[in-house]
Amino acid sequence: GFTGSLTGTTTPQTLTIDGDESVNAIFTLNGPFNLVLTTNGTGAGTITADPAGPYYYGDTVSISAIANVGSTFSGFTGNLTGTITPQDLIIVADEAVDAEFTLNGPYNLALTTSGTGTGTITANPTGPYYYGDTVNISAIANTGSTFSGFTGNLTGIITPQDLIIVADEAVDAEFTL
């Protein structure tokens, strides 16, 4: 609004000059505005804003997306786009930015048998496999053979065992005649 020889928020106004006059116009920066940050997708991660609010018209905010282990940052949507992180967002109104994260995978699970005997090796569930999946691996010896142990990404003679998928994995079941 105006102060001095004029008052109020009506503009324009007429000023009658009847001596020295002084008029001051006061302007207020628009805001504060809301900044909503969300995540989605099959993976996990965090989205952050620097600096933290409150935000006013023209403020520049650095938005960063950081994927958790086993996930990949897939891109921004909303008031930012693309896969570059961090990115600057200039506040002009209420803003919303979403960061999408994708779970890493699918990964391969190679199951093999070896040794002088015979048997089967199975995985439950069957793929596809993504980072952090738990797979139950069983070795079953055929008649006349004995299960001798796992090698590769599992070891030991206990069957079944759980395998946590973190990359391409390989497990061999050895059978002895």
N, C-alpha and C. Protein backbone atom coordinates (compact mmCIF):
# COMPACT_ATOMS: atom_id res chain seq x y z
N GLY A 1 0.81 -1.18 0.00
CA GLY A 1 0.00 0.00 0.00
C GLY A 1 0.85 1.24 0.00
N PHE A 2 0.16 2.38 0.03
CA PHE A 2 0.82 3.69 0.05
C PHE A 2 0.95 4.20 1.48
N THR A 3 2.00 4.97 1.72
CA THR A 3 2.16 5.71 2.96
C THR A 3 2.60 7.12 2.61
N GLY A 4 2.45 8.02 3.53
CA GLY A 4 2.82 9.42 3.30
C GLY A 4 1.60 10.22 2.92
N SER A 5 1.73 10.93 1.80
CA SER A 5 0.65 11.79 1.35
C SER A 5 -0.51 11.01 0.74
N LEU A 6 -0.32 9.74 0.47
CA LEU A 6 -1.40 8.84 0.03
C LEU A 6 -1.43 7.66 0.99
N THR A 7 -2.60 7.06 1.17
CA THR A 7 -2.72 5.87 2.02
C THR A 7 -3.64 4.87 1.31
N GLY A 8 -3.59 3.64 1.79
CA GLY A 8 -4.47 2.61 1.25
C GLY A 8 -3.79 1.79 0.17
N THR A 9 -4.55 0.84 -0.38
CA THR A 9 -4.02 -0.07 -1.38
C THR A 9 -4.63 0.14 -2.76
N THR A 10 -5.54 1.11 -2.90
CA THR A 10 -6.13 1.40 -4.20
C THR A 10 -5.08 2.06 -5.08
N THR A 11 -4.98 1.60 -6.33
CA THR A 11 -4.06 2.19 -7.28
C THR A 11 -4.70 2.16 -8.65
N PRO A 12 -4.65 3.19 -9.46
CA PRO A 12 -4.01 4.47 -9.15
C PRO A 12 -4.86 5.33 -8.24
N GLN A 13 -4.19 6.32 -7.63
CA GLN A 13 -4.88 7.33 -6.81
C GLN A 13 -4.47 8.71 -7.33
N THR A 14 -5.31 9.68 -7.07
CA THR A 14 -5.02 11.06 -7.46
C THR A 14 -4.48 11.80 -6.24
N LEU A 15 -3.36 12.47 -6.46
CA LEU A 15 -2.74 13.26 -5.39
C LEU A 15 -2.91 14.74 -5.73
N THR A 16 -3.49 15.47 -4.84
CA THR A 16 -3.62 16.91 -5.01
C THR A 16 -2.39 17.55 -4.39
N ILE A 17 -1.67 18.31 -5.20
CA ILE A 17 -0.44 18.94 -4.73
C ILE A 17 -0.83 20.26 -4.08
N ASP A 18 -0.60 20.36 -2.78
CA ASP A 18 -0.88 21.59 -2.06
C ASP A 18 0.30 21.97 -1.17
N GLY A 19 1.45 21.54 -1.57
CA GLY A 19 2.69 21.79 -0.84
C GLY A 19 3.65 20.66 -1.16
N ASP A 20 4.73 20.56 -0.40
CA ASP A 20 5.64 19.44 -0.58
C ASP A 20 4.90 18.15 -0.25
N GLU A 21 5.07 17.17 -1.11
CA GLU A 21 4.38 15.88 -0.93
C GLU A 21 5.42 14.76 -0.93
N SER A 22 5.09 13.68 -0.25
CA SER A 22 5.93 12.48 -0.22
C SER A 22 5.03 11.27 -0.26
N VAL A 23 5.31 10.37 -1.20
CA VAL A 23 4.52 9.14 -1.33
C VAL A 23 5.48 7.96 -1.36
N ASN A 24 5.16 6.99 -0.55
CA ASN A 24 5.96 5.76 -0.53
C ASN A 24 5.05 4.60 -0.90
N ALA A 25 5.49 3.76 -1.84
CA ALA A 25 4.74 2.56 -2.21
C ALA A 25 5.45 1.36 -1.59
N ILE A 26 4.72 0.56 -0.82
CA ILE A 26 5.29 -0.61 -0.14
C ILE A 26 4.85 -1.87 -0.90
N PHE A 27 5.82 -2.67 -1.26
CA PHE A 27 5.56 -3.92 -1.97
C PHE A 27 5.98 -5.09 -1.09
N THR A 28 5.20 -6.15 -1.13
CA THR A 28 5.48 -7.36 -0.36
C THR A 28 5.76 -8.51 -1.33
N LEU A 29 6.82 -9.24 -1.07
CA LEU A 29 7.15 -10.41 -1.89
C LEU A 29 6.09 -11.48 -1.70
N ASN A 30 5.61 -12.05 -2.79
CA ASN A 30 4.58 -13.09 -2.70
C ASN A 30 5.13 -14.33 -2.02
N GLY A 31 4.27 -14.94 -1.22
CA GLY A 31 4.63 -16.15 -0.51
C GLY A 31 4.07 -16.07 0.90
N PRO A 32 4.35 -16.97 1.77
CA PRO A 32 5.18 -18.14 1.46
C PRO A 32 4.43 -19.15 0.62
N PHE A 33 5.21 -19.89 -0.20
CA PHE A 33 4.66 -20.93 -1.06
C PHE A 33 5.04 -22.30 -0.51
N ASN A 34 4.20 -23.29 -0.82
CA ASN A 34 4.47 -24.67 -0.39
C ASN A 34 5.34 -25.37 -1.42
N LEU A 35 6.23 -26.21 -0.93
CA LEU A 35 7.03 -27.09 -1.77
C LEU A 35 6.79 -28.51 -1.27
N VAL A 36 6.10 -29.32 -2.10
CA VAL A 36 5.78 -30.70 -1.74
C VAL A 36 6.76 -31.62 -2.45
N LEU A 37 7.48 -32.44 -1.67
CA LEU A 37 8.44 -33.40 -2.20
C LEU A 37 7.92 -34.80 -1.93
N THR A 38 7.85 -35.65 -2.97
CA THR A 38 7.37 -37.03 -2.83
C THR A 38 8.30 -37.97 -3.57
N THR A 39 8.16 -39.26 -3.25
CA THR A 39 8.89 -40.32 -3.98
C THR A 39 7.89 -41.37 -4.43
N ASN A 40 8.24 -42.07 -5.51
CA ASN A 40 7.43 -43.19 -5.95
C ASN A 40 8.31 -44.15 -6.74
N GLY A 41 7.70 -45.23 -7.23
CA GLY A 41 8.40 -46.23 -8.02
C GLY A 41 8.59 -47.51 -7.24
N THR A 42 9.26 -48.46 -7.88
CA THR A 42 9.49 -49.77 -7.26
C THR A 42 10.67 -49.75 -6.31
N GLY A 43 11.53 -48.75 -6.42
CA GLY A 43 12.71 -48.64 -5.57
C GLY A 43 12.48 -47.69 -4.41
N ALA A 44 13.59 -47.33 -3.77
CA ALA A 44 13.52 -46.46 -2.60
C ALA A 44 14.65 -45.44 -2.65
N GLY A 45 14.39 -44.29 -2.03
CA GLY A 45 15.38 -43.24 -1.94
C GLY A 45 14.80 -42.05 -1.24
N THR A 46 15.57 -40.96 -1.19
CA THR A 46 15.12 -39.76 -0.53
C THR A 46 15.21 -38.57 -1.48
N ILE A 47 14.35 -37.59 -1.25
CA ILE A 47 14.38 -36.33 -1.99
C ILE A 47 14.49 -35.23 -0.96
N THR A 48 15.41 -34.27 -1.21
CA THR A 48 15.65 -33.21 -0.25
C THR A 48 15.66 -31.84 -0.94
N ALA A 49 15.39 -30.81 -0.17
CA ALA A 49 15.42 -29.43 -0.65
C ALA A 49 16.39 -28.63 0.21
N ASP A 50 17.24 -27.82 -0.45
CA ASP A 50 18.19 -26.98 0.26
C ASP A 50 18.15 -25.59 -0.34
N PRO A 51 17.79 -24.57 0.38
CA PRO A 51 17.50 -24.56 1.81
C PRO A 51 16.08 -25.03 2.10
N ALA A 52 15.82 -25.27 3.36
CA ALA A 52 14.46 -25.58 3.79
C ALA A 52 13.65 -24.29 3.75
N GLY A 53 12.33 -24.40 3.65
CA GLY A 53 11.45 -23.24 3.54
C GLY A 53 11.45 -22.40 4.80
N PRO A 54 10.66 -21.34 4.86
CA PRO A 54 9.60 -20.97 3.91
C PRO A 54 10.18 -20.41 2.62
N TYR A 55 9.37 -20.51 1.53
CA TYR A 55 9.79 -20.09 0.20
C TYR A 55 8.95 -18.93 -0.29
N TYR A 56 9.62 -17.97 -0.91
CA TYR A 56 8.97 -16.79 -1.47
C TYR A 56 9.30 -16.69 -2.95
N TYR A 57 8.51 -15.91 -3.65
CA TYR A 57 8.65 -15.76 -5.10
C TYR A 57 10.11 -15.45 -5.47
N GLY A 58 10.64 -16.24 -6.41
CA GLY A 58 12.00 -16.03 -6.89
C GLY A 58 13.07 -16.78 -6.14
N ASP A 59 12.73 -17.42 -5.02
CA ASP A 59 13.73 -18.21 -4.29
C ASP A 59 14.24 -19.34 -5.16
N THR A 60 15.52 -19.65 -5.04
CA THR A 60 16.12 -20.79 -5.74
C THR A 60 16.38 -21.89 -4.72
N VAL A 61 15.87 -23.09 -5.02
CA VAL A 61 15.99 -24.24 -4.12
C VAL A 61 16.68 -25.36 -4.88
N SER A 62 17.69 -25.96 -4.27
CA SER A 62 18.38 -27.10 -4.87
C SER A 62 17.66 -28.38 -4.43
N ILE A 63 17.16 -29.14 -5.40
CA ILE A 63 16.44 -30.39 -5.14
C ILE A 63 17.35 -31.56 -5.50
N SER A 64 17.55 -32.48 -4.54
CA SER A 64 18.41 -33.64 -4.75
C SER A 64 17.63 -34.93 -4.53
N ALA A 65 17.93 -35.92 -5.36
CA ALA A 65 17.37 -37.26 -5.21
C ALA A 65 18.52 -38.23 -4.98
N ILE A 66 18.42 -39.01 -3.91
CA ILE A 66 19.48 -39.96 -3.55
C ILE A 66 18.87 -41.34 -3.41
N ALA A 67 19.30 -42.25 -4.30
CA ALA A 67 18.76 -43.62 -4.29
C ALA A 67 19.37 -44.42 -3.15
N ASN A 68 18.54 -45.28 -2.54
CA ASN A 68 19.03 -46.24 -1.54
C ASN A 68 19.83 -47.32 -2.25
N VAL A 69 20.63 -48.06 -1.49
CA VAL A 69 21.35 -49.19 -2.04
C VAL A 69 20.35 -50.16 -2.66
N GLY A 70 20.61 -50.60 -3.88
CA GLY A 70 19.73 -51.52 -4.57
C GLY A 70 18.68 -50.85 -5.42
N SER A 71 18.68 -49.52 -5.44
CA SER A 71 17.74 -48.76 -6.25
C SER A 71 18.50 -47.77 -7.12
N THR A 72 17.83 -47.29 -8.16
CA THR A 72 18.39 -46.30 -9.06
C THR A 72 17.41 -45.14 -9.19
N PHE A 73 17.94 -43.91 -9.20
CA PHE A 73 17.10 -42.74 -9.42
C PHE A 73 16.71 -42.72 -10.89
N SER A 74 15.40 -42.68 -11.18
CA SER A 74 14.89 -42.74 -12.55
C SER A 74 14.51 -41.39 -13.12
N GLY A 75 14.29 -40.38 -12.28
CA GLY A 75 13.99 -39.06 -12.80
C GLY A 75 12.99 -38.31 -11.95
N PHE A 76 12.94 -36.98 -12.20
CA PHE A 76 11.99 -36.09 -11.54
C PHE A 76 10.74 -35.93 -12.40
N THR A 77 9.60 -35.71 -11.75
CA THR A 77 8.38 -35.28 -12.42
C THR A 77 7.77 -34.16 -11.59
N GLY A 78 6.80 -33.49 -12.17
CA GLY A 78 6.18 -32.36 -11.50
C GLY A 78 6.82 -31.08 -12.01
N ASN A 79 7.27 -30.21 -11.09
CA ASN A 79 7.87 -28.94 -11.49
C ASN A 79 9.34 -29.05 -11.89
N LEU A 80 9.91 -30.26 -11.82
CA LEU A 80 11.23 -30.55 -12.37
C LEU A 80 11.10 -31.79 -13.24
N THR A 81 11.95 -31.91 -14.25
CA THR A 81 11.98 -33.12 -15.08
C THR A 81 13.43 -33.51 -15.32
N GLY A 82 13.63 -34.73 -15.79
CA GLY A 82 14.97 -35.20 -16.12
C GLY A 82 15.59 -36.00 -15.01
N THR A 83 16.79 -36.48 -15.29
CA THR A 83 17.50 -37.38 -14.37
C THR A 83 18.72 -36.72 -13.72
N ILE A 84 18.96 -35.46 -14.00
CA ILE A 84 20.08 -34.77 -13.37
C ILE A 84 19.71 -34.41 -11.94
N THR A 85 20.60 -34.75 -11.01
CA THR A 85 20.40 -34.41 -9.61
C THR A 85 21.72 -33.97 -9.02
N PRO A 86 21.78 -32.87 -8.27
CA PRO A 86 20.67 -31.98 -7.93
C PRO A 86 20.31 -31.06 -9.09
N GLN A 87 19.12 -30.47 -8.97
CA GLN A 87 18.63 -29.45 -9.91
C GLN A 87 18.10 -28.27 -9.11
N ASP A 88 18.19 -27.09 -9.72
CA ASP A 88 17.65 -25.89 -9.08
C ASP A 88 16.21 -25.68 -9.53
N LEU A 89 15.36 -25.35 -8.57
CA LEU A 89 13.96 -25.01 -8.82
C LEU A 89 13.76 -23.57 -8.37
N ILE A 90 13.20 -22.74 -9.27
CA ILE A 90 12.90 -21.36 -8.91
C ILE A 90 11.44 -21.29 -8.51
N ILE A 91 11.20 -20.84 -7.30
CA ILE A 91 9.85 -20.81 -6.74
C ILE A 91 9.07 -19.64 -7.35
N VAL A 92 7.89 -19.94 -7.95
CA VAL A 92 7.02 -18.89 -8.49
C VAL A 92 5.59 -19.05 -7.99
N ALA A 93 5.31 -20.16 -7.33
CA ALA A 93 3.98 -20.47 -6.79
C ALA A 93 4.16 -21.70 -5.90
N ASP A 94 3.05 -22.32 -5.48
CA ASP A 94 3.18 -23.63 -4.83
C ASP A 94 3.79 -24.58 -5.83
N GLU A 95 4.76 -25.39 -5.39
CA GLU A 95 5.50 -26.28 -6.28
C GLU A 95 5.44 -27.71 -5.75
N ALA A 96 5.57 -28.68 -6.66
CA ALA A 96 5.60 -30.10 -6.28
C ALA A 96 6.61 -30.82 -7.16
N VAL A 97 7.46 -31.61 -6.53
CA VAL A 97 8.47 -32.39 -7.25
C VAL A 97 8.43 -33.82 -6.72
N ASP A 98 8.39 -34.77 -7.64
CA ASP A 98 8.40 -36.19 -7.30
C ASP A 98 9.68 -36.81 -7.84
N ALA A 99 10.32 -37.65 -7.04
CA ALA A 99 11.51 -38.39 -7.47
C ALA A 99 11.12 -39.86 -7.59
N GLU A 100 11.35 -40.43 -8.76
CA GLU A 100 11.03 -41.84 -8.98
C GLU A 100 12.30 -42.68 -8.84
N PHE A 101 12.15 -43.78 -8.10
CA PHE A 101 13.26 -44.70 -7.90
C PHE A 101 12.85 -46.09 -8.40
N THR A 102 13.77 -46.77 -9.07
CA THR A 102 13.51 -48.10 -9.62
C THR A 102 14.40 -49.11 -8.89
N LEU A 103 13.78 -50.21 -8.46
CA LEU A 103 14.53 -51.28 -7.81
C LEU A 103 15.45 -51.93 -8.85
N ASN A 104 16.72 -52.13 -8.50
CA ASN A 104 17.68 -52.72 -9.43
C ASN A 104 17.31 -54.16 -9.76
N GLY A 105 17.53 -54.52 -10.99
CA GLY A 105 17.24 -55.86 -11.49
C GLY A 105 16.57 -55.74 -12.83
N PRO A 106 16.05 -56.78 -13.40
CA PRO A 106 16.10 -58.13 -12.84
C PRO A 106 17.50 -58.73 -12.92
N TYR A 107 17.77 -59.60 -11.96
CA TYR A 107 19.05 -60.30 -11.89
C TYR A 107 18.85 -61.77 -12.26
N ASN A 108 19.93 -62.36 -12.76
CA ASN A 108 19.91 -63.78 -13.11
C ASN A 108 20.30 -64.62 -11.90
N LEU A 109 19.69 -65.80 -11.81
CA LEU A 109 20.07 -66.80 -10.81
C LEU A 109 20.36 -68.09 -11.55
N ALA A 110 21.65 -68.44 -11.59
CA ALA A 110 22.07 -69.66 -12.29
C ALA A 110 22.15 -70.79 -11.27
N LEU A 111 21.40 -71.87 -11.51
CA LEU A 111 21.41 -73.06 -10.64
C LEU A 111 22.01 -74.21 -11.44
N THR A 112 23.04 -74.83 -10.86
CA THR A 112 23.71 -75.95 -11.53
C THR A 112 23.92 -77.09 -10.54
N THR A 113 24.19 -78.27 -11.08
CA THR A 113 24.56 -79.43 -10.25
C THR A 113 25.91 -79.93 -10.72
N SER A 114 26.63 -80.59 -9.79
CA SER A 114 27.95 -81.14 -10.11
C SER A 114 28.18 -82.35 -9.22
N GLY A 115 29.30 -83.02 -9.44
CA GLY A 115 29.70 -84.16 -8.63
C GLY A 115 29.44 -85.49 -9.32
N THR A 116 29.72 -86.57 -8.60
CA THR A 116 29.57 -87.92 -9.16
C THR A 116 28.16 -88.44 -9.04
N GLY A 117 27.33 -87.79 -8.22
CA GLY A 117 25.94 -88.22 -8.04
C GLY A 117 24.98 -87.32 -8.83
N THR A 118 23.69 -87.57 -8.58
CA THR A 118 22.66 -86.79 -9.28
C THR A 118 21.64 -86.26 -8.27
N GLY A 119 20.94 -85.24 -8.70
CA GLY A 119 19.91 -84.64 -7.88
C GLY A 119 19.39 -83.38 -8.55
N THR A 120 18.53 -82.69 -7.86
CA THR A 120 17.96 -81.46 -8.42
C THR A 120 18.19 -80.30 -7.46
N ILE A 121 18.27 -79.11 -8.05
CA ILE A 121 18.37 -77.88 -7.28
C ILE A 121 17.21 -76.99 -7.74
N THR A 122 16.49 -76.43 -6.78
CA THR A 122 15.32 -75.62 -7.11
C THR A 122 15.37 -74.29 -6.37
N ALA A 123 14.67 -73.32 -6.94
CA ALA A 123 14.56 -71.99 -6.33
C ALA A 123 13.08 -71.67 -6.17
N ASN A 124 12.73 -71.15 -4.99
CA ASN A 124 11.36 -70.74 -4.73
C ASN A 124 11.39 -69.36 -4.08
N PRO A 125 10.81 -68.35 -4.68
CA PRO A 125 10.05 -68.39 -5.92
C PRO A 125 10.98 -68.39 -7.13
N THR A 126 10.39 -68.66 -8.28
CA THR A 126 11.14 -68.52 -9.52
C THR A 126 11.17 -67.03 -9.87
N GLY A 127 12.07 -66.63 -10.69
CA GLY A 127 12.28 -65.21 -11.02
C GLY A 127 11.10 -64.56 -11.70
N PRO A 128 11.20 -63.33 -12.10
CA PRO A 128 12.43 -62.52 -12.08
C PRO A 128 12.80 -62.07 -10.67
N TYR A 129 14.09 -61.77 -10.48
CA TYR A 129 14.60 -61.40 -9.17
C TYR A 129 15.11 -59.97 -9.18
N TYR A 130 14.78 -59.24 -8.11
CA TYR A 130 15.22 -57.86 -7.95
C TYR A 130 15.99 -57.72 -6.65
N TYR A 131 16.73 -56.62 -6.54
CA TYR A 131 17.57 -56.38 -5.38
C TYR A 131 16.78 -56.58 -4.09
N GLY A 132 17.35 -57.40 -3.19
CA GLY A 132 16.75 -57.63 -1.89
C GLY A 132 15.77 -58.79 -1.82
N ASP A 133 15.43 -59.38 -2.99
CA ASP A 133 14.53 -60.54 -2.97
C ASP A 133 15.17 -61.69 -2.20
N THR A 134 14.36 -62.44 -1.46
CA THR A 134 14.81 -63.65 -0.77
C THR A 134 14.33 -64.85 -1.54
N VAL A 135 15.27 -65.75 -1.87
CA VAL A 135 14.96 -66.95 -2.64
C VAL A 135 15.38 -68.15 -1.82
N ASN A 136 14.48 -69.12 -1.68
CA ASN A 136 14.77 -70.35 -0.96
C ASN A 136 15.32 -71.37 -1.95
N ILE A 137 16.57 -71.83 -1.70
CA ILE A 137 17.26 -72.77 -2.58
C ILE A 137 17.29 -74.15 -1.90
N SER A 138 16.80 -75.16 -2.62
CA SER A 138 16.77 -76.54 -2.10
C SER A 138 17.56 -77.47 -3.01
N ALA A 139 18.24 -78.41 -2.39
CA ALA A 139 18.95 -79.47 -3.13
C ALA A 139 18.36 -80.81 -2.68
N ILE A 140 17.93 -81.61 -3.64
CA ILE A 140 17.33 -82.92 -3.33
C ILE A 140 18.10 -83.99 -4.12
N ALA A 141 18.75 -84.88 -3.36
CA ALA A 141 19.54 -85.95 -4.00
C ALA A 141 18.62 -87.03 -4.55
N ASN A 142 18.98 -87.57 -5.70
CA ASN A 142 18.26 -88.73 -6.25
C ASN A 142 18.65 -89.98 -5.47
N THR A 143 17.85 -91.04 -5.62
CA THR A 143 18.15 -92.32 -4.97
C THR A 143 19.55 -92.77 -5.37
N GLY A 144 20.34 -93.16 -4.41
CA GLY A 144 21.71 -93.62 -4.65
C GLY A 144 22.74 -92.52 -4.58
N SER A 145 22.30 -91.29 -4.35
CA SER A 145 23.22 -90.15 -4.26
C SER A 145 22.99 -89.41 -2.95
N THR A 146 23.97 -88.61 -2.55
CA THR A 146 23.91 -87.80 -1.34
C THR A 146 24.24 -86.36 -1.69
N PHE A 147 23.52 -85.46 -1.09
CA PHE A 147 23.83 -84.04 -1.29
C PHE A 147 25.09 -83.72 -0.50
N SER A 148 26.13 -83.16 -1.18
CA SER A 148 27.43 -82.91 -0.56
C SER A 148 27.64 -81.46 -0.14
N GLY A 149 26.82 -80.55 -0.68
CA GLY A 149 26.97 -79.14 -0.27
C GLY A 149 26.79 -78.18 -1.43
N PHE A 150 26.54 -76.91 -1.02
CA PHE A 150 26.41 -75.82 -2.01
C PHE A 150 27.77 -75.15 -2.21
N THR A 151 27.98 -74.61 -3.40
CA THR A 151 29.11 -73.72 -3.68
C THR A 151 28.57 -72.55 -4.48
N GLY A 152 29.38 -71.50 -4.60
CA GLY A 152 28.97 -70.29 -5.30
C GLY A 152 28.48 -69.28 -4.28
N ASN A 153 27.29 -68.74 -4.50
CA ASN A 153 26.75 -67.73 -3.59
C ASN A 153 26.11 -68.31 -2.33
N LEU A 154 26.04 -69.64 -2.22
CA LEU A 154 25.67 -70.31 -0.97
C LEU A 154 26.76 -71.34 -0.67
N THR A 155 26.94 -71.62 0.61
CA THR A 155 27.91 -72.65 1.01
C THR A 155 27.30 -73.50 2.10
N GLY A 156 27.90 -74.65 2.32
CA GLY A 156 27.46 -75.52 3.41
C GLY A 156 26.54 -76.62 2.93
N ILE A 157 26.18 -77.51 3.88
CA ILE A 157 25.38 -78.70 3.54
C ILE A 157 23.93 -78.58 4.01
N ILE A 158 23.56 -77.46 4.60
CA ILE A 158 22.17 -77.28 5.02
C ILE A 158 21.32 -76.97 3.79
N THR A 159 20.22 -77.72 3.66
CA THR A 159 19.26 -77.46 2.59
C THR A 159 17.87 -77.58 3.16
N PRO A 160 16.95 -76.67 2.89
CA PRO A 160 17.12 -75.50 2.03
C PRO A 160 17.81 -74.36 2.76
N GLN A 161 18.27 -73.37 1.96
CA GLN A 161 18.86 -72.14 2.47
C GLN A 161 18.26 -70.95 1.73
N ASP A 162 18.24 -69.81 2.41
CA ASP A 162 17.78 -68.58 1.77
C ASP A 162 18.96 -67.82 1.17
N LEU A 163 18.74 -67.32 -0.01
CA LEU A 163 19.72 -66.49 -0.71
C LEU A 163 19.08 -65.12 -0.92
N ILE A 164 19.80 -64.07 -0.52
CA ILE A 164 19.31 -62.70 -0.75
C ILE A 164 19.96 -62.20 -2.03
N ILE A 165 19.13 -61.78 -2.96
CA ILE A 165 19.61 -61.34 -4.27
C ILE A 165 20.15 -59.91 -4.16
N VAL A 166 21.42 -59.72 -4.58
CA VAL A 166 22.02 -58.39 -4.61
C VAL A 166 22.65 -58.08 -5.97
N ALA A 167 22.73 -59.10 -6.82
CA ALA A 167 23.32 -58.97 -8.16
C ALA A 167 23.00 -60.28 -8.87
N ASP A 168 23.62 -60.53 -10.02
CA ASP A 168 23.51 -61.85 -10.63
C ASP A 168 24.11 -62.86 -9.66
N GLU A 169 23.43 -63.96 -9.45
CA GLU A 169 23.88 -64.96 -8.47
C GLU A 169 24.01 -66.33 -9.14
N ALA A 170 24.85 -67.19 -8.55
CA ALA A 170 25.04 -68.55 -9.05
C ALA A 170 25.21 -69.49 -7.86
N VAL A 171 24.49 -70.61 -7.89
CA VAL A 171 24.58 -71.61 -6.82
C VAL A 171 24.70 -72.97 -7.49
N ASP A 172 25.65 -73.74 -7.00
CA ASP A 172 25.84 -75.11 -7.49
C ASP A 172 25.57 -76.07 -6.33
N ALA A 173 24.83 -77.15 -6.64
CA ALA A 173 24.60 -78.22 -5.66
C ALA A 173 25.43 -79.42 -6.08
N GLU A 174 26.29 -79.86 -5.18
CA GLU A 174 27.13 -81.01 -5.50
C GLU A 174 26.53 -82.28 -4.89
N PHE A 175 26.46 -83.33 -5.71
CA PHE A 175 25.94 -84.62 -5.28
C PHE A 175 27.01 -85.68 -5.45
N THR A 176 27.09 -86.59 -4.43
CA THR A 176 28.07 -87.66 -4.46
C THR A 176 27.35 -88.98 -4.61
N LEU A 177 27.84 -89.82 -5.51
CA LEU A 177 27.26 -91.15 -5.74
C LEU A 177 27.50 -92.03 -4.53
